[in-house]
Amino acid sequence: MKGVIHVHFLTLALPDWANSLLSVAIAVGLIFIYLLQRKLFGRNQESRRGWTVWVLYLVDLVLFFAALIGGLLLWNFDFQSFLTKFVTDFQTMIVDKVGAIIESIVIIFIVLALLKLSKLALLKVGLKESPFQKRKKTIAKVSQSIIKYLLWVIAILVILSLWGVNVAPALAGLGIAGIVIGLGAQKFINDLISGFFIVFEHHFDVGDIVEVAGFKGEVTDIGLKTTKIRNWKGEVKILANGEVSNITNFSRNPSTAVIDFGIAYGEDIEKTIKLLQAELPKLEKEVAEIIDAPQVLGVMELSDSSVNMRVIVKTLTEKHYGVERLVRQRIKEILDANGIEIPFPQVVLHQAKDK
């Protein structure tokens, strides 16, 4: 037959007991090589990086196939008949299914192109500054997830139909399958439903600062099943949407920086307040995170060694930590420049006189 490759392999005429011993020896040799590699490289992680790993994988692959072919030759496996049948069947399949193969490849490329276009289109959503910017980004991410699932499901069904699979019974059975899956995957369905409620009831958006189950951070992604939150340390917590409850959203309103400090009892309180009221509002023009002029509330406490006062500043969401540090530094500079003492705890000892 045209196109058939003829290959002649060496056949070994050995008794069965010899074949068995040689087969066992080959298996033991492979195990020994594996254990030796593990002993030499398993504990040393540095030695398993870079090109060393690929060389080891290549050597293992060559040894495995060599052992496999050697074992088959020991038992007089007919490689010629096997390769002849394999090549013939492969040629027949290529000739018969060349149209389906090309159409399947085209469909996959179309799906990948549509996914790329949808991703590029949705990435532009929310770039323009607006009050609903976070909301747009959130809906864009969820929409991208839905589009991805729908496109791949449709592509799989179309490709199956091209290869002669009758997808009509599968589509008809989706109703029954949906009931069965729903009963066995109630938690999964609960996560999906909770994800829809999170998005459409506007509990929080991508970019919001939230606290869930004691974990506080920025929402980086909202999917159909999970929500990802990253804290200031860079740690990412992945929560199933069904587990997202008792949420505290810190992004709905501006944050407030609270700065407490003390002055000595001998200082003029009214003078200190007027001085701070004159100097601190300058920070509003210097610091972009401040959205309202600092307010000096006055005396908050008469402690043992100081008169404690308080200043508050409205800031952008979750920007109050840095503003607090900056305002404390500025208060210290103002008080030092005007000779106003910031006291520290002191103990005054009185020695009793002898009568």
Protein backbone atom coordinates (compact mmCIF):
# COMPACT_ATOMS: atom_id res chain seq x y z
CA MET A 1 0.00 0.00 0.00
CA LYS A 2 1.27 3.46 -0.85
CA GLY A 3 2.51 5.51 2.08
CA VAL A 4 3.22 2.56 4.39
CA ILE A 5 6.58 2.68 6.18
CA HIS A 6 8.42 -0.62 6.60
CA VAL A 7 10.66 -0.82 9.67
CA HIS A 8 12.55 -3.92 10.73
CA PHE A 9 13.44 -4.39 14.37
CA LEU A 10 15.78 -6.85 15.96
CA THR A 11 13.97 -9.73 17.60
CA LEU A 12 15.53 -11.47 20.57
CA ALA A 13 15.03 -15.21 20.95
CA LEU A 14 15.42 -15.75 24.68
CA PRO A 15 13.61 -18.09 27.05
CA ASP A 16 10.71 -16.68 29.05
CA TRP A 17 12.59 -16.81 32.34
CA ALA A 18 15.40 -14.69 30.84
CA ASN A 19 12.88 -12.21 29.46
CA SER A 20 11.30 -11.91 32.91
CA LEU A 21 14.64 -11.34 34.62
CA LEU A 22 15.68 -8.72 32.08
CA SER A 23 12.31 -6.94 32.41
CA VAL A 24 12.67 -6.84 36.18
CA ALA A 25 16.25 -5.58 35.79
CA ILE A 26 15.07 -2.76 33.52
CA ALA A 27 12.36 -1.73 36.02
CA VAL A 28 14.80 -1.87 38.94
CA GLY A 29 17.30 0.19 36.94
CA LEU A 30 14.73 2.93 36.27
CA ILE A 31 13.75 3.04 39.95
CA PHE A 32 17.43 3.21 40.97
CA ILE A 33 18.08 6.11 38.59
CA TYR A 34 14.99 7.94 39.90
CA LEU A 35 16.04 7.50 43.54
CA LEU A 36 19.61 8.56 42.72
CA GLN A 37 18.40 11.76 41.04
CA ARG A 38 16.11 12.50 43.97
CA LYS A 39 18.94 12.03 46.44
CA LEU A 40 21.32 14.24 44.46
CA PHE A 41 18.92 17.02 43.50
CA GLY A 42 15.77 16.63 45.57
CA ARG A 43 16.96 18.46 48.67
CA ASN A 44 19.00 21.11 46.91
CA GLN A 45 16.41 23.46 45.42
CA GLU A 46 19.06 25.72 43.89
CA SER A 47 20.41 22.84 41.78
CA ARG A 48 16.98 22.21 40.27
CA ARG A 49 16.65 25.61 38.65
CA GLY A 50 17.30 26.71 35.10
CA TRP A 51 18.68 24.36 32.47
CA THR A 52 19.44 21.57 34.99
CA VAL A 53 15.74 20.73 35.34
CA TRP A 54 15.23 20.47 31.58
CA VAL A 55 18.30 18.24 31.17
CA LEU A 56 17.02 15.91 33.90
CA TYR A 57 13.56 15.76 32.35
CA LEU A 58 15.07 15.00 28.92
CA VAL A 59 17.32 12.24 30.32
CA ASP A 60 14.39 10.69 32.20
CA LEU A 61 12.24 10.78 29.06
CA VAL A 62 14.94 9.13 26.91
CA LEU A 63 15.60 6.44 29.53
CA PHE A 64 11.91 5.71 29.94
CA PHE A 65 11.30 5.22 26.21
CA ALA A 66 14.49 3.22 25.83
CA ALA A 67 13.41 0.93 28.67
CA LEU A 68 9.89 0.64 27.22
CA ILE A 69 11.15 -0.28 23.74
CA GLY A 70 13.71 -2.68 25.21
CA GLY A 71 11.06 -4.42 27.29
CA LEU A 72 8.75 -4.78 24.30
CA LEU A 73 11.59 -6.17 22.19
CA LEU A 74 12.32 -8.76 24.88
CA TRP A 75 8.78 -10.06 24.48
CA ASN A 76 8.95 -9.93 20.66
CA PHE A 77 6.45 -7.11 20.22
CA ASP A 78 5.65 -6.61 16.49
CA PHE A 79 6.66 -2.99 15.98
CA GLN A 80 6.39 -3.24 12.21
CA SER A 81 2.72 -4.25 12.25
CA PHE A 82 1.96 -1.68 14.94
CA LEU A 83 3.61 1.20 13.05
CA THR A 84 2.07 0.10 9.74
CA LYS A 85 -1.44 0.06 11.24
CA PHE A 86 -0.86 3.34 13.09
CA VAL A 87 0.40 5.18 9.99
CA THR A 88 -2.41 3.78 7.83
CA ASP A 89 -5.10 4.73 10.33
CA PHE A 90 -3.58 8.18 10.79
CA GLN A 91 -3.50 8.82 7.03
CA THR A 92 -7.11 7.68 6.70
CA MET A 93 -8.22 9.93 9.53
CA ILE A 94 -6.39 12.94 8.05
CA VAL A 95 -8.01 12.40 4.66
CA ASP A 96 -11.50 11.85 6.08
CA LYS A 97 -11.41 14.56 8.73
CA VAL A 98 -9.26 17.25 7.13
CA GLY A 99 -12.33 19.49 6.74
CA ALA A 100 -13.37 19.05 10.37
CA ILE A 101 -9.80 19.69 11.55
CA ILE A 102 -9.51 22.93 9.59
CA GLU A 103 -12.96 24.11 10.70
CA SER A 104 -12.17 23.28 14.34
CA ILE A 105 -8.93 25.26 14.17
CA VAL A 106 -10.78 28.19 12.59
CA ILE A 107 -13.43 28.12 15.34
CA ILE A 108 -10.75 28.09 18.06
CA PHE A 109 -9.00 31.05 16.46
CA ILE A 110 -12.31 32.92 16.19
CA VAL A 111 -13.07 32.29 19.88
CA LEU A 112 -9.59 33.45 20.90
CA ALA A 113 -9.97 36.58 18.74
CA LEU A 114 -13.39 37.37 20.22
CA LEU A 115 -12.03 36.89 23.75
CA LYS A 116 -9.13 39.22 22.97
CA LEU A 117 -11.45 41.85 21.47
CA SER A 118 -13.86 41.65 24.40
CA LYS A 119 -10.98 41.97 26.86
CA LEU A 120 -9.59 45.03 25.05
CA ALA A 121 -13.05 46.60 24.85
CA LEU A 122 -13.86 45.96 28.50
CA LEU A 123 -10.45 47.22 29.65
CA LYS A 124 -11.36 50.65 28.31
CA VAL A 125 -14.48 50.70 30.46
CA GLY A 126 -13.96 52.90 33.49
CA LEU A 127 -10.84 54.65 32.20
CA LYS A 128 -12.71 57.95 31.93
CA GLU A 129 -13.02 59.64 35.32
CA SER A 130 -16.61 59.56 36.56
CA PRO A 131 -18.54 58.90 39.79
CA PHE A 132 -19.37 55.40 38.52
CA GLN A 133 -15.84 54.43 37.48
CA LYS A 134 -15.47 51.58 40.00
CA ARG A 135 -18.96 50.32 39.20
CA LYS A 136 -18.13 50.14 35.49
CA LYS A 137 -14.90 48.24 36.16
CA THR A 138 -16.74 45.73 38.34
CA ILE A 139 -19.45 45.04 35.77
CA ALA A 140 -16.77 44.82 33.05
CA LYS A 141 -14.87 42.10 34.94
CA VAL A 142 -18.02 40.05 35.57
CA SER A 143 -19.11 40.48 31.94
CA GLN A 144 -15.71 39.29 30.75
CA SER A 145 -16.04 36.14 32.87
CA ILE A 146 -19.54 35.41 31.50
CA ILE A 147 -18.42 36.00 27.88
CA LYS A 148 -15.46 33.64 28.31
CA TYR A 149 -17.64 30.77 29.61
CA LEU A 150 -20.35 31.26 26.96
CA LEU A 151 -17.92 31.41 24.04
CA TRP A 152 -16.07 28.25 25.05
CA VAL A 153 -19.30 26.31 25.67
CA ILE A 154 -20.64 27.31 22.24
CA ALA A 155 -17.29 26.51 20.58
CA ILE A 156 -17.16 23.04 22.17
CA LEU A 157 -20.70 22.23 21.01
CA VAL A 158 -19.98 23.42 17.45
CA ILE A 159 -16.69 21.44 17.27
CA LEU A 160 -18.42 18.29 18.53
CA SER A 161 -21.08 18.65 15.86
CA LEU A 162 -18.35 19.02 13.18
CA TRP A 163 -16.84 15.71 14.30
CA GLY A 164 -20.14 13.92 13.93
CA VAL A 165 -21.33 14.06 17.53
CA ASN A 166 -25.08 14.60 17.84
CA VAL A 167 -25.32 17.52 20.26
CA ALA A 168 -29.13 17.74 20.14
CA PRO A 169 -29.65 15.06 22.84
CA ALA A 170 -26.98 16.76 24.91
CA LEU A 171 -28.82 20.08 24.67
CA ALA A 172 -32.11 18.39 25.46
CA GLY A 173 -30.56 16.69 28.46
CA LEU A 174 -29.18 19.93 29.91
CA GLY A 175 -32.42 20.46 31.80
CA ILE A 176 -32.20 17.12 33.61
CA ALA A 177 -28.44 17.50 34.00
CA GLY A 178 -28.98 20.96 35.46
CA ILE A 179 -31.27 19.55 38.15
CA VAL A 180 -28.82 16.79 39.01
CA ILE A 181 -25.86 19.18 39.09
CA GLY A 182 -27.85 21.69 41.10
CA LEU A 183 -28.61 19.10 43.76
CA GLY A 184 -24.98 17.99 43.94
CA ALA A 185 -23.42 21.43 43.68
CA GLN A 186 -25.58 23.60 45.86
CA LYS A 187 -22.59 25.47 47.28
CA PHE A 188 -21.33 26.26 43.78
CA ILE A 189 -24.76 27.55 42.74
CA ASN A 190 -24.96 29.55 45.98
CA ASP A 191 -21.62 31.19 45.17
CA LEU A 192 -22.82 32.14 41.68
CA ILE A 193 -26.07 33.64 42.97
CA SER A 194 -24.23 35.51 45.72
CA GLY A 195 -21.83 36.88 43.10
CA PHE A 196 -24.72 38.29 41.08
CA PHE A 197 -26.22 39.92 44.18
CA ILE A 198 -22.86 41.44 45.14
CA VAL A 199 -22.53 43.06 41.71
CA PHE A 200 -26.09 44.17 41.07
CA GLU A 201 -26.91 45.26 44.62
CA HIS A 202 -23.66 47.24 44.62
CA HIS A 203 -22.28 45.89 47.90
CA PHE A 204 -18.76 46.78 46.78
CA ASP A 205 -16.81 47.37 43.58
CA VAL A 206 -13.35 46.57 42.26
CA GLY A 207 -10.99 49.04 43.92
CA ASP A 208 -13.04 49.44 47.10
CA ILE A 209 -11.44 48.96 50.52
CA VAL A 210 -13.46 46.40 52.47
CA GLU A 211 -13.15 44.21 55.54
CA VAL A 212 -14.53 40.66 55.45
CA ALA A 213 -14.02 38.08 58.19
CA GLY A 214 -11.34 40.22 59.82
CA PHE A 215 -9.36 40.67 56.58
CA LYS A 216 -9.10 44.26 55.31
CA GLY A 217 -7.84 45.21 51.88
CA GLU A 218 -8.59 46.35 48.35
CA VAL A 219 -10.97 44.37 46.14
CA THR A 220 -8.88 43.39 43.11
CA ASP A 221 -11.28 41.06 41.34
CA ILE A 222 -14.94 40.01 41.49
CA GLY A 223 -15.82 36.84 39.58
CA LEU A 224 -18.93 34.72 39.28
CA LYS A 225 -17.69 32.41 42.04
CA THR A 226 -14.94 34.14 44.03
CA THR A 227 -13.80 37.56 45.20
CA LYS A 228 -10.14 38.50 45.68
CA ILE A 229 -8.98 40.99 48.31
CA ARG A 230 -5.37 42.24 48.69
CA ASN A 231 -4.20 43.90 51.90
CA TRP A 232 -1.42 46.47 52.35
CA LYS A 233 1.14 43.69 52.86
CA GLY A 234 0.41 42.27 49.41
CA GLU A 235 -1.37 39.20 50.80
CA VAL A 236 -4.34 38.08 48.69
CA LYS A 237 -7.38 36.43 50.25
CA ILE A 238 -9.71 34.51 47.92
CA LEU A 239 -13.25 34.22 49.25
CA ALA A 240 -16.14 32.23 47.82
CA ASN A 241 -18.95 34.70 47.13
CA GLY A 242 -21.29 32.66 49.30
CA GLU A 243 -18.96 33.26 52.27
CA VAL A 244 -18.83 37.04 51.84
CA SER A 245 -20.95 38.35 54.69
CA ASN A 246 -20.78 41.04 57.38
CA ILE A 247 -18.96 43.35 54.99
CA THR A 248 -17.54 46.70 56.03
CA ASN A 249 -16.99 48.97 53.03
CA PHE A 250 -14.60 51.84 53.77
CA SER A 251 -14.89 53.38 50.29
CA ARG A 252 -18.39 54.78 50.48
CA ASN A 253 -17.33 57.94 52.36
CA PRO A 254 -14.12 59.93 52.89
CA SER A 255 -11.81 58.83 55.69
CA THR A 256 -10.97 60.93 58.73
CA ALA A 257 -7.47 61.34 60.13
CA VAL A 258 -7.45 61.80 63.91
CA ILE A 259 -4.35 63.33 65.52
CA ASP A 260 -4.05 63.59 69.30
CA PHE A 261 -1.19 65.46 70.96
CA GLY A 262 -0.43 67.13 74.28
CA ILE A 263 0.98 70.47 75.46
CA ALA A 264 2.30 71.40 78.87
CA TYR A 265 -0.05 72.80 81.52
CA GLY A 266 1.87 76.02 81.59
CA GLU A 267 1.25 76.81 77.90
CA ASP A 268 -1.45 79.17 76.60
CA ILE A 269 -4.20 76.92 75.18
CA GLU A 270 -5.96 79.70 73.24
CA LYS A 271 -2.70 80.78 71.64
CA THR A 272 -1.91 77.20 70.62
CA ILE A 273 -5.35 76.72 69.03
CA LYS A 274 -5.14 79.98 67.03
CA LEU A 275 -1.61 79.13 65.92
CA LEU A 276 -2.65 75.72 64.61
CA GLN A 277 -5.78 77.14 62.97
CA ALA A 278 -3.59 79.56 61.06
CA GLU A 279 -0.86 77.11 59.99
CA LEU A 280 -2.50 73.70 59.44
CA PRO A 281 -4.97 74.78 56.66
CA LYS A 282 -1.91 75.34 54.43
CA LEU A 283 -1.60 71.57 54.19
CA GLU A 284 -4.78 71.36 52.10
CA LYS A 285 -2.98 72.94 49.15
CA GLU A 286 0.19 70.91 49.66
CA VAL A 287 -1.26 67.42 50.09
CA ALA A 288 -3.57 66.02 47.40
CA GLU A 289 -5.06 63.41 49.75
CA ILE A 290 -6.57 66.12 51.99
CA ILE A 291 -10.06 67.11 50.82
CA ASP A 292 -10.95 69.57 53.59
CA ALA A 293 -8.97 71.93 55.80
CA PRO A 294 -7.76 70.45 59.11
CA GLN A 295 -9.96 71.28 62.10
CA VAL A 296 -8.60 71.94 65.59
CA LEU A 297 -11.24 70.57 67.96
CA GLY A 298 -9.56 71.83 71.12
CA VAL A 299 -8.92 70.22 74.47
CA MET A 300 -9.96 66.56 74.69
CA GLU A 301 -8.43 65.48 78.00
CA LEU A 302 -6.61 66.79 81.06
CA SER A 303 -4.10 64.02 81.67
CA ASP A 304 -1.50 63.66 84.41
CA SER A 305 1.27 65.60 82.70
CA SER A 306 -0.28 67.26 79.65
CA VAL A 307 -3.31 68.99 78.18
CA ASN A 308 -4.34 66.68 75.31
CA MET A 309 -5.76 68.26 72.16
CA ARG A 310 -7.16 66.85 68.91
CA VAL A 311 -7.00 67.73 65.24
CA ILE A 312 -9.10 65.98 62.56
CA VAL A 313 -8.61 66.00 58.79
CA LYS A 314 -10.92 64.65 56.07
CA THR A 315 -9.01 62.66 53.44
CA LEU A 316 -9.59 60.49 50.42
CA THR A 317 -10.65 56.94 51.18
CA GLU A 318 -8.05 55.04 53.23
CA LYS A 319 -5.48 57.84 52.82
CA HIS A 320 -5.77 58.97 56.41
CA TYR A 321 -2.83 56.87 57.66
CA GLY A 322 -0.24 58.84 55.71
CA VAL A 323 -2.01 62.13 56.43
CA GLU A 324 -1.94 61.43 60.18
CA ARG A 325 1.83 60.93 60.07
CA LEU A 326 2.32 64.13 58.07
CA VAL A 327 0.08 66.26 60.32
CA ARG A 328 1.81 64.99 63.47
CA GLN A 329 5.14 66.01 61.99
CA ARG A 330 3.80 69.45 61.02
CA ILE A 331 2.28 70.03 64.51
CA LYS A 332 5.62 69.16 66.10
CA GLU A 333 7.41 71.63 63.81
CA ILE A 334 4.88 74.40 64.53
CA LEU A 335 5.00 73.93 68.29
CA ASP A 336 8.81 73.78 68.34
CA ALA A 337 9.10 76.91 66.19
CA ASN A 338 6.89 78.85 68.61
CA GLY A 339 8.42 77.55 71.82
CA ILE A 340 5.36 75.57 72.92
CA GLU A 341 6.40 72.66 75.10
CA ILE A 342 5.27 69.12 74.32
CA PRO A 343 5.62 67.43 77.72
CA PHE A 344 6.67 63.93 78.60
CA PRO A 345 5.64 61.95 81.68
CA GLN A 346 7.37 63.30 84.77
CA VAL A 347 7.51 62.27 88.42
CA VAL A 348 7.91 64.97 91.06
CA LEU A 349 9.37 63.80 94.40
CA HIS A 350 8.71 65.73 97.63
CA GLN A 351 11.03 65.07 100.55
CA ALA A 352 9.34 65.29 103.90
CA LYS A 353 11.00 67.56 106.47
CA ASP A 354 11.86 66.25 109.91
CA LYS A 355 9.75 67.71 112.68
